Amino acid sequence: MPLLMILALASCALPQVTRRPAQTDYRLRVPQVVQPAPGLAARTLRLLPVRAAPGLEGVDMLYSPTPLQLMPYRDSRWLVPPAEMIDSALRGALARQAWVAAVEGGDAAGRTDASLRCRLDSLEHDVYARRVELGMRCEIYVGAAQDLGSSWSFEASRPVPVQDAAHYAQAAQDLLDQAVVSLLRQTARTLARAPGSGPGSPKP
């Protein structure tokens, strides 16, 4: 039997190796929005690190195939944990506002007119309902004593035409844009009600 034929038959007998799809990373960008606040003097704000509810600390892109299940995508993930991306998005959006003089970071006390403490409560692709859901909440502290000026919460969903990670990521971005606009509006209103706000740090 010719050598080439022997090699061909041998290769047919070998088990086929299934190649796993390449890992795809997705990210959330800084919303390019401007919220007018006529008559409001520029203030210095502190954005405390955005926290995440249990289960949202990692980079998994979560989906629910049934109302009672929550699972990670196998071949898709967030570039960094969602809370970190939302922190960057809020910080970048605040810095774009004419009524924000500066955005400080970290937990350390500093001379700021107001502080924001936010938490990501949910971010998932509900395959059962064919939609993406985002939930978060924030507290805004103002004044020299950094008293609670107002609370803000956001819970919304967006339908997706295709049930895949790419459409999940785009819907999440659209919801984040919507949330940022709402939070900017709430922050400006809260600052307008506290014209004498001064330095301080959030109460524990």
N, C-alpha and C. Protein backbone atom coordinates (compact mmCIF):
# COMPACT_ATOMS: atom_id res chain seq x y z
N MET A 1 0.87 -1.20 0.00
CA MET A 1 0.00 0.00 0.00
C MET A 1 0.90 1.24 0.00
N PRO A 2 0.65 2.15 -0.89
CA PRO A 2 1.47 3.35 -0.94
C PRO A 2 1.46 4.08 0.39
N LEU A 3 2.59 4.75 0.71
CA LEU A 3 2.74 5.46 1.99
C LEU A 3 1.69 6.56 2.15
N LEU A 4 1.41 7.31 1.09
CA LEU A 4 0.44 8.40 1.19
C LEU A 4 -0.94 7.89 1.55
N MET A 5 -1.31 6.72 0.99
CA MET A 5 -2.62 6.16 1.29
C MET A 5 -2.68 5.71 2.75
N ILE A 6 -1.58 5.16 3.26
CA ILE A 6 -1.54 4.72 4.66
C ILE A 6 -1.70 5.91 5.59
N LEU A 7 -1.01 7.02 5.28
CA LEU A 7 -1.12 8.22 6.11
C LEU A 7 -2.52 8.81 6.07
N ALA A 8 -3.15 8.76 4.89
CA ALA A 8 -4.51 9.30 4.76
C ALA A 8 -5.49 8.50 5.59
N LEU A 9 -5.37 7.16 5.55
CA LEU A 9 -6.25 6.32 6.35
C LEU A 9 -6.02 6.52 7.84
N ALA A 10 -4.77 6.71 8.22
CA ALA A 10 -4.45 6.92 9.63
C ALA A 10 -5.06 8.22 10.15
N SER A 11 -5.00 9.26 9.30
CA SER A 11 -5.55 10.55 9.73
C SER A 11 -7.05 10.48 9.90
N CYS A 12 -7.73 9.68 9.12
CA CYS A 12 -9.18 9.53 9.26
C CYS A 12 -9.55 8.85 10.57
N ALA A 13 -8.63 8.02 11.07
CA ALA A 13 -8.92 7.28 12.30
C ALA A 13 -8.68 8.13 13.54
N LEU A 14 -7.95 9.23 13.43
CA LEU A 14 -7.67 10.07 14.59
C LEU A 14 -8.93 10.82 15.03
N PRO A 15 -9.11 11.03 16.33
CA PRO A 15 -10.27 11.79 16.81
C PRO A 15 -10.20 13.24 16.35
N GLN A 16 -11.33 13.80 16.01
CA GLN A 16 -11.39 15.19 15.57
C GLN A 16 -11.34 16.12 16.78
N VAL A 17 -10.48 17.15 16.72
CA VAL A 17 -10.35 18.12 17.80
C VAL A 17 -11.29 19.29 17.53
N THR A 18 -12.19 19.55 18.45
CA THR A 18 -13.13 20.66 18.29
C THR A 18 -12.49 21.93 18.83
N ARG A 19 -12.38 22.92 17.97
CA ARG A 19 -11.80 24.19 18.39
C ARG A 19 -12.85 25.03 19.12
N ARG A 20 -12.50 25.53 20.29
CA ARG A 20 -13.40 26.37 21.06
C ARG A 20 -13.41 27.78 20.46
N PRO A 21 -14.58 28.41 20.34
CA PRO A 21 -14.62 29.77 19.80
C PRO A 21 -13.74 30.72 20.62
N ALA A 22 -13.20 31.71 19.96
CA ALA A 22 -12.35 32.67 20.63
C ALA A 22 -13.16 33.49 21.64
N GLN A 23 -12.49 33.88 22.72
CA GLN A 23 -13.14 34.70 23.74
C GLN A 23 -13.35 36.11 23.18
N THR A 24 -14.53 36.67 23.38
CA THR A 24 -14.85 38.03 22.96
C THR A 24 -15.10 38.89 24.18
N ASP A 25 -14.42 40.04 24.25
CA ASP A 25 -14.58 40.97 25.36
C ASP A 25 -15.42 42.17 24.92
N TYR A 26 -16.29 42.62 25.81
CA TYR A 26 -17.12 43.80 25.55
C TYR A 26 -16.89 44.83 26.65
N ARG A 27 -17.15 46.08 26.30
CA ARG A 27 -16.97 47.15 27.28
C ARG A 27 -18.11 48.15 27.17
N LEU A 28 -18.25 48.97 28.22
CA LEU A 28 -19.22 50.06 28.24
C LEU A 28 -18.43 51.36 28.16
N ARG A 29 -18.89 52.27 27.30
CA ARG A 29 -18.17 53.52 27.05
C ARG A 29 -18.76 54.66 27.88
N VAL A 30 -18.02 55.77 27.92
CA VAL A 30 -18.48 56.97 28.61
C VAL A 30 -19.57 57.64 27.76
N PRO A 31 -20.77 57.81 28.30
CA PRO A 31 -21.83 58.47 27.52
C PRO A 31 -21.45 59.91 27.19
N GLN A 32 -21.62 60.30 25.96
CA GLN A 32 -21.30 61.66 25.51
C GLN A 32 -22.53 62.54 25.65
N VAL A 33 -22.88 62.84 26.89
CA VAL A 33 -24.10 63.62 27.17
C VAL A 33 -23.75 64.86 27.96
N VAL A 34 -24.54 65.90 27.78
CA VAL A 34 -24.39 67.15 28.52
C VAL A 34 -25.75 67.50 29.10
N GLN A 35 -25.79 67.71 30.42
CA GLN A 35 -27.02 68.08 31.10
C GLN A 35 -26.95 69.55 31.49
N PRO A 36 -27.73 70.43 30.86
CA PRO A 36 -27.70 71.84 31.23
C PRO A 36 -28.19 72.05 32.66
N ALA A 37 -27.60 73.04 33.32
CA ALA A 37 -28.03 73.44 34.67
C ALA A 37 -27.86 74.94 34.78
N PRO A 38 -28.72 75.72 34.11
CA PRO A 38 -28.59 77.18 34.09
C PRO A 38 -28.58 77.77 35.49
N GLY A 39 -27.65 78.69 35.72
CA GLY A 39 -27.59 79.38 37.00
C GLY A 39 -26.87 78.62 38.10
N LEU A 40 -26.44 77.41 37.84
CA LEU A 40 -25.75 76.61 38.86
C LEU A 40 -24.24 76.82 38.72
N ALA A 41 -23.62 77.34 39.78
CA ALA A 41 -22.17 77.55 39.76
C ALA A 41 -21.45 76.21 39.74
N ALA A 42 -20.26 76.20 39.16
CA ALA A 42 -19.50 74.96 39.06
C ALA A 42 -19.12 74.46 40.45
N ARG A 43 -19.32 73.18 40.70
CA ARG A 43 -19.05 72.56 41.99
C ARG A 43 -18.03 71.44 41.82
N THR A 44 -17.34 71.16 42.91
CA THR A 44 -16.42 70.03 42.94
C THR A 44 -17.14 68.83 43.55
N LEU A 45 -17.10 67.71 42.84
CA LEU A 45 -17.80 66.52 43.28
C LEU A 45 -16.81 65.39 43.55
N ARG A 46 -17.20 64.51 44.48
CA ARG A 46 -16.44 63.29 44.73
C ARG A 46 -17.30 62.10 44.35
N LEU A 47 -16.76 61.24 43.50
CA LEU A 47 -17.45 60.00 43.14
C LEU A 47 -16.75 58.86 43.87
N LEU A 48 -17.44 58.31 44.87
CA LEU A 48 -16.91 57.16 45.58
C LEU A 48 -16.95 55.94 44.68
N PRO A 49 -16.06 54.97 44.86
CA PRO A 49 -16.03 53.80 43.98
C PRO A 49 -17.41 53.13 43.88
N VAL A 50 -17.84 52.88 42.65
CA VAL A 50 -19.13 52.22 42.44
C VAL A 50 -19.06 50.79 42.96
N ARG A 51 -19.99 50.43 43.81
CA ARG A 51 -20.03 49.08 44.37
C ARG A 51 -20.90 48.18 43.49
N ALA A 52 -20.77 46.88 43.71
CA ALA A 52 -21.56 45.91 42.95
C ALA A 52 -22.28 44.97 43.90
N ALA A 53 -23.51 44.63 43.54
CA ALA A 53 -24.26 43.66 44.32
C ALA A 53 -23.59 42.30 44.21
N PRO A 54 -23.81 41.41 45.18
CA PRO A 54 -23.22 40.06 45.11
C PRO A 54 -23.54 39.38 43.78
N GLY A 55 -22.52 38.80 43.18
CA GLY A 55 -22.68 38.12 41.90
C GLY A 55 -22.29 38.97 40.71
N LEU A 56 -22.11 40.28 40.93
CA LEU A 56 -21.76 41.18 39.83
C LEU A 56 -20.33 41.69 39.94
N GLU A 57 -19.54 41.06 40.81
CA GLU A 57 -18.18 41.56 41.02
C GLU A 57 -17.21 41.14 39.91
N GLY A 58 -17.54 40.12 39.14
CA GLY A 58 -16.63 39.61 38.12
C GLY A 58 -16.89 40.17 36.74
N VAL A 59 -16.31 39.51 35.73
CA VAL A 59 -16.43 39.97 34.35
C VAL A 59 -17.45 39.15 33.56
N ASP A 60 -18.18 38.26 34.22
CA ASP A 60 -19.16 37.44 33.50
C ASP A 60 -20.29 38.30 32.93
N MET A 61 -20.67 37.99 31.69
CA MET A 61 -21.88 38.56 31.10
C MET A 61 -23.00 37.58 31.45
N LEU A 62 -23.89 38.00 32.32
CA LEU A 62 -24.90 37.11 32.86
C LEU A 62 -26.17 37.11 32.03
N TYR A 63 -26.77 35.93 31.88
CA TYR A 63 -28.05 35.83 31.20
C TYR A 63 -28.95 34.86 31.96
N SER A 64 -30.25 35.03 31.78
CA SER A 64 -31.22 34.16 32.45
C SER A 64 -32.05 33.45 31.39
N PRO A 65 -31.83 32.14 31.20
CA PRO A 65 -32.62 31.38 30.22
C PRO A 65 -34.04 31.10 30.71
N THR A 66 -34.24 31.11 32.02
CA THR A 66 -35.56 30.97 32.63
C THR A 66 -35.65 31.97 33.77
N PRO A 67 -36.84 32.27 34.26
CA PRO A 67 -36.96 33.26 35.34
C PRO A 67 -36.18 32.91 36.59
N LEU A 68 -35.85 31.64 36.81
CA LEU A 68 -35.19 31.23 38.04
C LEU A 68 -33.71 30.95 37.87
N GLN A 69 -33.17 31.11 36.67
CA GLN A 69 -31.77 30.80 36.41
C GLN A 69 -30.98 32.04 36.03
N LEU A 70 -29.71 32.03 36.41
CA LEU A 70 -28.78 33.09 36.01
C LEU A 70 -27.44 32.43 35.72
N MET A 71 -26.96 32.58 34.48
CA MET A 71 -25.77 31.87 34.03
C MET A 71 -24.83 32.81 33.28
N PRO A 72 -23.53 32.49 33.22
CA PRO A 72 -22.59 33.32 32.46
C PRO A 72 -22.48 32.85 31.01
N TYR A 73 -22.29 33.79 30.11
CA TYR A 73 -21.97 33.44 28.73
C TYR A 73 -20.68 32.64 28.71
N ARG A 74 -20.58 31.66 27.82
CA ARG A 74 -19.38 30.82 27.78
C ARG A 74 -18.21 31.51 27.09
N ASP A 75 -18.46 32.17 25.97
CA ASP A 75 -17.37 32.71 25.14
C ASP A 75 -17.36 34.23 25.07
N SER A 76 -18.13 34.88 25.92
CA SER A 76 -18.17 36.35 25.93
C SER A 76 -18.11 36.83 27.37
N ARG A 77 -17.47 37.96 27.56
CA ARG A 77 -17.36 38.52 28.90
C ARG A 77 -17.15 40.03 28.80
N TRP A 78 -17.29 40.71 29.94
CA TRP A 78 -16.95 42.12 30.00
C TRP A 78 -15.44 42.27 30.11
N LEU A 79 -14.92 43.35 29.58
CA LEU A 79 -13.48 43.58 29.61
C LEU A 79 -12.97 43.71 31.05
N VAL A 80 -13.72 44.44 31.87
CA VAL A 80 -13.46 44.55 33.31
C VAL A 80 -14.81 44.44 34.01
N PRO A 81 -14.84 44.26 35.32
CA PRO A 81 -16.13 44.17 36.01
C PRO A 81 -17.04 45.36 35.70
N PRO A 82 -18.34 45.13 35.52
CA PRO A 82 -19.27 46.20 35.14
C PRO A 82 -19.23 47.41 36.06
N ALA A 83 -19.08 47.20 37.37
CA ALA A 83 -19.05 48.33 38.30
C ALA A 83 -17.89 49.27 37.98
N GLU A 84 -16.76 48.71 37.56
CA GLU A 84 -15.60 49.54 37.21
C GLU A 84 -15.89 50.35 35.94
N MET A 85 -16.54 49.74 34.97
CA MET A 85 -16.86 50.46 33.73
C MET A 85 -17.89 51.55 34.00
N ILE A 86 -18.86 51.27 34.87
CA ILE A 86 -19.86 52.28 35.20
C ILE A 86 -19.22 53.41 35.99
N ASP A 87 -18.29 53.09 36.87
CA ASP A 87 -17.55 54.12 37.60
C ASP A 87 -16.85 55.07 36.62
N SER A 88 -16.15 54.50 35.63
CA SER A 88 -15.46 55.32 34.62
C SER A 88 -16.45 56.13 33.79
N ALA A 89 -17.59 55.52 33.47
CA ALA A 89 -18.60 56.22 32.68
C ALA A 89 -19.17 57.40 33.44
N LEU A 90 -19.49 57.22 34.72
CA LEU A 90 -20.02 58.32 35.53
C LEU A 90 -18.99 59.42 35.70
N ARG A 91 -17.74 59.01 35.95
CA ARG A 91 -16.68 60.00 36.15
C ARG A 91 -16.46 60.83 34.87
N GLY A 92 -16.43 60.15 33.73
CA GLY A 92 -16.24 60.86 32.48
C GLY A 92 -17.40 61.76 32.12
N ALA A 93 -18.62 61.29 32.38
CA ALA A 93 -19.80 62.10 32.08
C ALA A 93 -19.88 63.33 32.98
N LEU A 94 -19.58 63.16 34.26
CA LEU A 94 -19.59 64.31 35.18
C LEU A 94 -18.57 65.35 34.76
N ALA A 95 -17.39 64.90 34.34
CA ALA A 95 -16.33 65.83 33.96
C ALA A 95 -16.70 66.68 32.75
N ARG A 96 -17.66 66.22 31.95
CA ARG A 96 -18.07 66.97 30.76
C ARG A 96 -19.05 68.10 31.07
N GLN A 97 -19.59 68.13 32.28
CA GLN A 97 -20.64 69.09 32.59
C GLN A 97 -20.06 70.45 32.99
N ALA A 98 -20.66 71.52 32.48
CA ALA A 98 -20.17 72.87 32.78
C ALA A 98 -20.34 73.21 34.25
N TRP A 99 -21.29 72.57 34.93
CA TRP A 99 -21.53 72.87 36.35
C TRP A 99 -20.70 71.99 37.29
N VAL A 100 -19.77 71.24 36.72
CA VAL A 100 -18.85 70.44 37.53
C VAL A 100 -17.43 70.98 37.34
N ALA A 101 -16.86 71.52 38.42
CA ALA A 101 -15.51 72.09 38.34
C ALA A 101 -14.45 70.99 38.32
N ALA A 102 -14.68 69.92 39.08
CA ALA A 102 -13.71 68.82 39.14
C ALA A 102 -14.41 67.60 39.72
N VAL A 103 -13.88 66.43 39.38
CA VAL A 103 -14.40 65.18 39.91
C VAL A 103 -13.28 64.48 40.65
N GLU A 104 -13.43 64.38 41.96
CA GLU A 104 -12.44 63.70 42.79
C GLU A 104 -12.81 62.23 42.90
N GLY A 105 -11.84 61.41 43.29
CA GLY A 105 -12.10 59.98 43.44
C GLY A 105 -11.60 59.46 44.77
N GLY A 106 -11.91 58.22 45.05
CA GLY A 106 -11.43 57.58 46.26
C GLY A 106 -12.32 57.82 47.46
N ASP A 107 -12.01 57.11 48.56
CA ASP A 107 -12.79 57.21 49.78
C ASP A 107 -12.30 58.28 50.74
N ALA A 108 -11.10 58.80 50.51
CA ALA A 108 -10.53 59.75 51.46
C ALA A 108 -11.31 61.06 51.46
N ALA A 109 -11.39 61.67 52.63
CA ALA A 109 -12.10 62.95 52.75
C ALA A 109 -11.35 64.03 51.98
N GLY A 110 -12.08 64.99 51.47
CA GLY A 110 -11.47 66.07 50.72
C GLY A 110 -12.42 67.25 50.61
N ARG A 111 -11.94 68.34 50.05
CA ARG A 111 -12.75 69.54 49.93
C ARG A 111 -13.63 69.44 48.68
N THR A 112 -14.83 68.91 48.86
CA THR A 112 -15.77 68.80 47.75
C THR A 112 -17.12 69.35 48.20
N ASP A 113 -17.90 69.83 47.24
CA ASP A 113 -19.22 70.38 47.53
C ASP A 113 -20.28 69.31 47.66
N ALA A 114 -20.04 68.16 47.04
CA ALA A 114 -21.01 67.07 47.10
C ALA A 114 -20.30 65.76 46.77
N SER A 115 -20.90 64.66 47.18
CA SER A 115 -20.33 63.34 46.92
C SER A 115 -21.43 62.39 46.45
N LEU A 116 -21.05 61.48 45.58
CA LEU A 116 -21.98 60.47 45.07
C LEU A 116 -21.49 59.09 45.47
N ARG A 117 -22.39 58.29 46.00
CA ARG A 117 -22.09 56.89 46.31
C ARG A 117 -23.10 56.04 45.56
N CYS A 118 -22.61 55.18 44.65
CA CYS A 118 -23.51 54.42 43.78
C CYS A 118 -23.27 52.92 43.91
N ARG A 119 -24.29 52.16 43.56
CA ARG A 119 -24.22 50.69 43.62
C ARG A 119 -24.94 50.12 42.40
N LEU A 120 -24.29 49.17 41.75
CA LEU A 120 -24.90 48.43 40.64
C LEU A 120 -25.66 47.24 41.22
N ASP A 121 -26.97 47.22 41.01
CA ASP A 121 -27.80 46.15 41.57
C ASP A 121 -28.07 45.02 40.59
N SER A 122 -28.16 45.33 39.30
CA SER A 122 -28.43 44.27 38.32
C SER A 122 -27.96 44.69 36.94
N LEU A 123 -27.48 43.72 36.19
CA LEU A 123 -27.13 43.89 34.78
C LEU A 123 -27.16 42.50 34.17
N GLU A 124 -28.20 42.22 33.41
CA GLU A 124 -28.34 40.87 32.87
C GLU A 124 -29.16 40.86 31.59
N HIS A 125 -28.96 39.79 30.83
CA HIS A 125 -29.71 39.55 29.61
C HIS A 125 -30.80 38.53 29.93
N ASP A 126 -32.02 38.99 29.97
CA ASP A 126 -33.16 38.10 30.26
C ASP A 126 -33.61 37.47 28.94
N VAL A 127 -33.07 36.29 28.65
CA VAL A 127 -33.40 35.60 27.41
C VAL A 127 -34.87 35.20 27.39
N TYR A 128 -35.38 34.85 28.56
CA TYR A 128 -36.78 34.42 28.67
C TYR A 128 -37.73 35.54 28.23
N ALA A 129 -37.41 36.80 28.64
CA ALA A 129 -38.25 37.95 28.29
C ALA A 129 -37.72 38.72 27.08
N ARG A 130 -36.57 38.29 26.52
CA ARG A 130 -35.96 38.92 25.35
C ARG A 130 -35.63 40.40 25.60
N ARG A 131 -34.92 40.63 26.70
CA ARG A 131 -34.57 42.02 27.03
C ARG A 131 -33.32 42.04 27.91
N VAL A 132 -32.70 43.21 28.00
CA VAL A 132 -31.56 43.44 28.88
C VAL A 132 -32.02 44.38 29.99
N GLU A 133 -31.61 44.10 31.22
CA GLU A 133 -32.06 44.87 32.37
C GLU A 133 -30.86 45.48 33.10
N LEU A 134 -31.05 46.72 33.54
CA LEU A 134 -30.03 47.43 34.32
C LEU A 134 -30.69 48.07 35.52
N GLY A 135 -30.10 47.87 36.68
CA GLY A 135 -30.60 48.50 37.89
C GLY A 135 -29.46 49.04 38.73
N MET A 136 -29.56 50.28 39.17
CA MET A 136 -28.55 50.88 40.03
C MET A 136 -29.18 51.97 40.87
N ARG A 137 -28.49 52.36 41.90
CA ARG A 137 -28.99 53.43 42.78
C ARG A 137 -27.82 54.23 43.32
N CYS A 138 -28.10 55.48 43.68
CA CYS A 138 -27.06 56.37 44.20
C CYS A 138 -27.63 57.24 45.30
N GLU A 139 -26.73 57.67 46.19
CA GLU A 139 -27.06 58.70 47.17
C GLU A 139 -26.16 59.90 46.91
N ILE A 140 -26.72 61.09 47.05
CA ILE A 140 -25.98 62.33 46.82
C ILE A 140 -25.89 63.07 48.15
N TYR A 141 -24.66 63.31 48.61
CA TYR A 141 -24.43 63.97 49.89
C TYR A 141 -23.96 65.40 49.62
N VAL A 142 -24.48 66.35 50.40
CA VAL A 142 -24.14 67.76 50.16
C VAL A 142 -23.86 68.48 51.47
N GLY A 143 -23.28 69.67 51.37
CA GLY A 143 -23.05 70.52 52.52
C GLY A 143 -21.77 70.18 53.26
N ALA A 144 -21.42 71.04 54.21
CA ALA A 144 -20.19 70.86 54.98
C ALA A 144 -20.23 69.56 55.76
N ALA A 145 -21.41 69.18 56.24
CA ALA A 145 -21.55 67.94 57.00
C ALA A 145 -21.81 66.74 56.11
N GLN A 146 -21.93 66.98 54.81
CA GLN A 146 -22.23 65.94 53.83
C GLN A 146 -23.45 65.13 54.25
N ASP A 147 -24.53 65.86 54.49
CA ASP A 147 -25.81 65.22 54.77
C ASP A 147 -26.38 64.65 53.48
N LEU A 148 -27.27 63.69 53.62
CA LEU A 148 -27.92 63.09 52.45
C LEU A 148 -28.82 64.12 51.80
N GLY A 149 -28.48 64.51 50.57
CA GLY A 149 -29.28 65.49 49.84
C GLY A 149 -30.43 64.86 49.10
N SER A 150 -30.18 63.69 48.48
CA SER A 150 -31.25 62.98 47.78
C SER A 150 -30.79 61.57 47.44
N SER A 151 -31.77 60.73 47.16
CA SER A 151 -31.51 59.37 46.70
C SER A 151 -32.04 59.24 45.29
N TRP A 152 -31.40 58.40 44.51
CA TRP A 152 -31.77 58.21 43.11
C TRP A 152 -31.69 56.74 42.79
N SER A 153 -32.64 56.25 42.02
CA SER A 153 -32.60 54.85 41.60
C SER A 153 -33.01 54.75 40.14
N PHE A 154 -32.51 53.72 39.49
CA PHE A 154 -32.78 53.51 38.07
C PHE A 154 -33.01 52.02 37.85
N GLU A 155 -34.15 51.68 37.27
CA GLU A 155 -34.46 50.31 36.89
C GLU A 155 -35.15 50.37 35.54
N ALA A 156 -34.53 49.81 34.54
CA ALA A 156 -35.10 49.87 33.20
C ALA A 156 -34.64 48.65 32.41
N SER A 157 -35.34 48.40 31.32
CA SER A 157 -34.99 47.29 30.44
C SER A 157 -35.11 47.75 28.99
N ARG A 158 -34.45 47.03 28.11
CA ARG A 158 -34.49 47.35 26.68
C ARG A 158 -34.60 46.04 25.91
N PRO A 159 -35.58 45.93 25.00
CA PRO A 159 -35.70 44.70 24.22
C PRO A 159 -34.53 44.53 23.26
N VAL A 160 -34.20 43.29 22.97
CA VAL A 160 -33.12 43.01 22.03
C VAL A 160 -33.68 42.17 20.88
N PRO A 161 -33.36 42.55 19.62
CA PRO A 161 -33.89 41.82 18.48
C PRO A 161 -33.21 40.48 18.26
N VAL A 162 -31.96 40.37 18.74
CA VAL A 162 -31.19 39.12 18.59
C VAL A 162 -30.65 38.73 19.95
N GLN A 163 -30.78 37.46 20.28
CA GLN A 163 -30.36 36.99 21.60
C GLN A 163 -28.89 36.58 21.58
N ASP A 164 -27.99 37.55 21.57
CA ASP A 164 -26.57 37.24 21.60
C ASP A 164 -25.83 38.30 22.41
N ALA A 165 -24.54 38.04 22.66
CA ALA A 165 -23.76 38.92 23.53
C ALA A 165 -23.59 40.32 22.93
N ALA A 166 -23.43 40.42 21.62
CA ALA A 166 -23.23 41.73 20.99
C ALA A 166 -24.44 42.64 21.20
N HIS A 167 -25.63 42.09 21.01
CA HIS A 167 -26.84 42.90 21.22
C HIS A 167 -27.07 43.16 22.70
N TYR A 168 -26.67 42.23 23.54
CA TYR A 168 -26.71 42.43 24.98
C TYR A 168 -25.86 43.63 25.37
N ALA A 169 -24.62 43.68 24.86
CA ALA A 169 -23.71 44.77 25.20
C ALA A 169 -24.24 46.11 24.70
N GLN A 170 -24.81 46.15 23.49
CA GLN A 170 -25.34 47.41 22.96
C GLN A 170 -26.53 47.88 23.77
N ALA A 171 -27.41 46.97 24.15
CA ALA A 171 -28.56 47.35 24.97
C ALA A 171 -28.10 47.86 26.34
N ALA A 172 -27.07 47.22 26.90
CA ALA A 172 -26.54 47.67 28.18
C ALA A 172 -25.98 49.09 28.05
N GLN A 173 -25.32 49.39 26.94
CA GLN A 173 -24.79 50.73 26.72
C GLN A 173 -25.92 51.74 26.61
N ASP A 174 -26.98 51.40 25.89
CA ASP A 174 -28.12 52.30 25.75
C ASP A 174 -28.76 52.59 27.12
N LEU A 175 -28.88 51.55 27.95
CA LEU A 175 -29.46 51.74 29.27
C LEU A 175 -28.54 52.57 30.16
N LEU A 176 -27.23 52.38 30.04
CA LEU A 176 -26.30 53.19 30.82
C LEU A 176 -26.38 54.65 30.41
N ASP A 177 -26.48 54.92 29.11
CA ASP A 177 -26.65 56.30 28.64
C ASP A 177 -27.87 56.93 29.29
N GLN A 178 -28.97 56.18 29.31
CA GLN A 178 -30.22 56.67 29.90
C GLN A 178 -30.06 56.91 31.39
N ALA A 179 -29.38 56.00 32.08
CA ALA A 179 -29.18 56.14 33.52
C ALA A 179 -28.33 57.36 33.85
N VAL A 180 -27.27 57.58 33.06
CA VAL A 180 -26.38 58.71 33.31
C VAL A 180 -27.12 60.03 33.15
N VAL A 181 -27.93 60.15 32.11
CA VAL A 181 -28.72 61.38 31.92
C VAL A 181 -29.60 61.63 33.13
N SER A 182 -30.26 60.59 33.61
CA SER A 182 -31.14 60.72 34.78
C SER A 182 -30.37 61.12 36.02
N LEU A 183 -29.19 60.51 36.24
CA LEU A 183 -28.40 60.83 37.42
C LEU A 183 -27.84 62.25 37.35
N LEU A 184 -27.40 62.68 36.19
CA LEU A 184 -26.92 64.06 36.04
C LEU A 184 -28.02 65.05 36.37
N ARG A 185 -29.22 64.78 35.89
CA ARG A 185 -30.34 65.66 36.17
C ARG A 185 -30.64 65.73 37.66
N GLN A 186 -30.62 64.57 38.32
CA GLN A 186 -30.89 64.52 39.76
C GLN A 186 -29.80 65.22 40.55
N THR A 187 -28.55 65.04 40.14
CA THR A 187 -27.43 65.68 40.84
C THR A 187 -27.51 67.19 40.72
N ALA A 188 -27.81 67.70 39.52
CA ALA A 188 -27.91 69.14 39.32
C ALA A 188 -29.04 69.72 40.16
N ARG A 189 -30.18 69.02 40.20
CA ARG A 189 -31.31 69.50 41.02
C ARG A 189 -30.94 69.54 42.50
N THR A 190 -30.22 68.52 42.95
CA THR A 190 -29.84 68.46 44.36
C THR A 190 -28.87 69.57 44.72
N LEU A 191 -27.91 69.85 43.84
CA LEU A 191 -26.96 70.92 44.09
C LEU A 191 -27.65 72.28 44.07
N ALA A 192 -28.62 72.44 43.22
CA ALA A 192 -29.33 73.71 43.13
C ALA A 192 -30.10 74.01 44.41
N ARG A 193 -30.53 72.95 45.10
CA ARG A 193 -31.27 73.14 46.36
C ARG A 193 -30.33 73.38 47.53
N ALA A 194 -29.02 73.19 47.34
CA ALA A 194 -28.06 73.37 48.42
C ALA A 194 -26.96 74.33 47.99
N PRO A 195 -27.32 75.64 47.79
CA PRO A 195 -26.34 76.60 47.28
C PRO A 195 -25.16 76.83 48.21
N GLY A 196 -25.32 76.53 49.50
CA GLY A 196 -24.23 76.78 50.43
C GLY A 196 -23.42 75.55 50.73
N SER A 197 -23.50 74.53 49.88
CA SER A 197 -22.77 73.31 50.17
C SER A 197 -21.28 73.57 50.21
N GLY A 198 -20.59 72.89 51.12
CA GLY A 198 -19.17 73.14 51.32
C GLY A 198 -18.40 71.86 51.45
N PRO A 199 -17.16 71.91 51.98
CA PRO A 199 -16.30 70.74 52.06
C PRO A 199 -16.81 69.71 53.05
N GLY A 200 -16.42 68.47 52.84
CA GLY A 200 -16.80 67.42 53.75
C GLY A 200 -16.66 66.07 53.09
N SER A 201 -17.17 65.05 53.74
CA SER A 201 -17.14 63.70 53.19
C SER A 201 -18.38 62.97 53.63
N PRO A 202 -18.84 61.96 52.86
CA PRO A 202 -20.07 61.27 53.22
C PRO A 202 -20.00 60.66 54.60
N LYS A 203 -21.11 60.74 55.31
CA LYS A 203 -21.19 60.08 56.60
C LYS A 203 -21.18 58.58 56.41
N PRO A 204 -20.62 57.82 57.35
CA PRO A 204 -20.59 56.36 57.18
C PRO A 204 -21.98 55.77 57.20
